[in-house]
Structure formats: structure tokens, C-alpha cells
Amino acid sequence: MRGLVPSAPDRIWVADITYVHLARTFAYLAVILDAFWRKAVGWAFEDTLDASLAIAALEKAIVARGPATGSLIHHSAQYASIAYRQRLADRDITISMSRPGNPFDNAKAESFMKKLKAEEINGNTFIDLTDARRRIDCFIAEVYNKERFHSALGYQSPLEFETAFAQNRHDNASWQPHCHCNYRVSLRGCSPTVLFLDSADSTPIFLWSPSSSASMASPEAYPPA
């Protein structure tokens, strides 16, 4: 997925699975992130590592986001079961898998797991599955999605970025993202800006900021990346 940058939410989802050490056994967490605003949109936590775990996370994401048919790419390193791939096919979701020996293909999902373990799991003791599920659910929903800042989002949380993007899109309903565009985030003063670039020649085509209305970008003000 390196080099492929989503221009809007629900265009690329990335997924991963990790284990969590409980007092007497192990449990497993499956997570799906929206690559546009780094938000966790679906997750499941169980004491068994089979297809039902990943499917539960996928179903939660689909119910929460309702992606348009045929508009979404789903990328993962290990979600390859027949049942899971059938769920994706039923929703006309394009399947993408990491190449062998290329861990950076799924870097966004792996980065999430690293943060989760560093900030919530490592050093903590979970009594049982119920205790771990409650605390991990709280961390993902209340801390990571609502409070955790991301440099890629202009040092905003996923929720703040999502809310501001939705408001600006509402205020500028006539604008639709270019079907093939990249974006980059920068800080101007205290306000982050998102610059959308034509993927063919890196020409600036749209400038968005959560603190002001969106506007067409000036090529002179933003030289190609």
C-alpha cells in the first residue's frame, strides 16, 4: 500500500491482528483502520484465533461506516481465510495483501498496534478476557480515536480530523475529491492544512484547513512536492 494515498474516508482500510497476554492465557485483537484519518472503525477481541475474529471486526466496521459498494480497498497482512474473502467479495470490496518480506506494506496498522501495546497493554495485568476487552475497548474508542494526536493529521486526533473534514465538506458541498489525488499535511502557524495534489503531476488542486473554509489551491503558493 506504499505510495497509494486515499483522497477521502472509506477508500482504504488497513487491518491487522495481535495477541494480548492475559493472566493465564492469550487473547487476540483484530483491528481495522481507515487509512485517511487513522481512525479505528472496527475491532474484535476474543480468546480464539480463527476467521470469526477477523470477520467480527469487519462486520463492525461495515455497520459503522457503510462504505459505498465498489469504492473500498481492504489491505491486510494475514486476513486470507475463504470466509473472510467471501465477506469482502459480497460487499464488492477490493482485496489487497502484503507481499512476503515487505512489512512496510501494512505500516499504518502495525503502527496502531505498536501504540496500543506501548500505551495500554505493556506493563498492565489483565485478569481475564472480560477485563482486557473492557480496557482495550475503552482505549481504542475513547483515547486513540478521540484524543491521540497524529502528526499525519496535523497533530489532531482522528475524531477532530473527521469532524473538521465533514464540516468543511458540508460547507463546500459542490467540491468532490479528484479521483486520483494525493495529499500532504503541513502546519501554518497553529492551524494544520491539508493540500490535495493531482497524482499525475503533483499540481495543487485543493486546500483544506479545519479552521477555515476550503478553497482552491494556488499552484504558485504550493510548489509540487
Foldseek 3Di string as FASTA:
>chain_A
DPPAADPDWQQEKEKDKDWADAPPAIKMKIWIATRHLRATQFMAIGRDDDLVRNVRRVVSNCVRPVRQAQRYEYEYADNDDPVSVVVCVVSNYHYHYDDPPCVVVRVSNVVVVVCCCVPPGPPDHAHDRVRVVVRSVCCRPPPQQQPQFDVQQVRHGSVLSVVLVVVLCVVVVVDDDDPAWHWGWDDDPSWIKIWIAHPVFQQTAWIDTSVDHIDGDDCVVPPGD
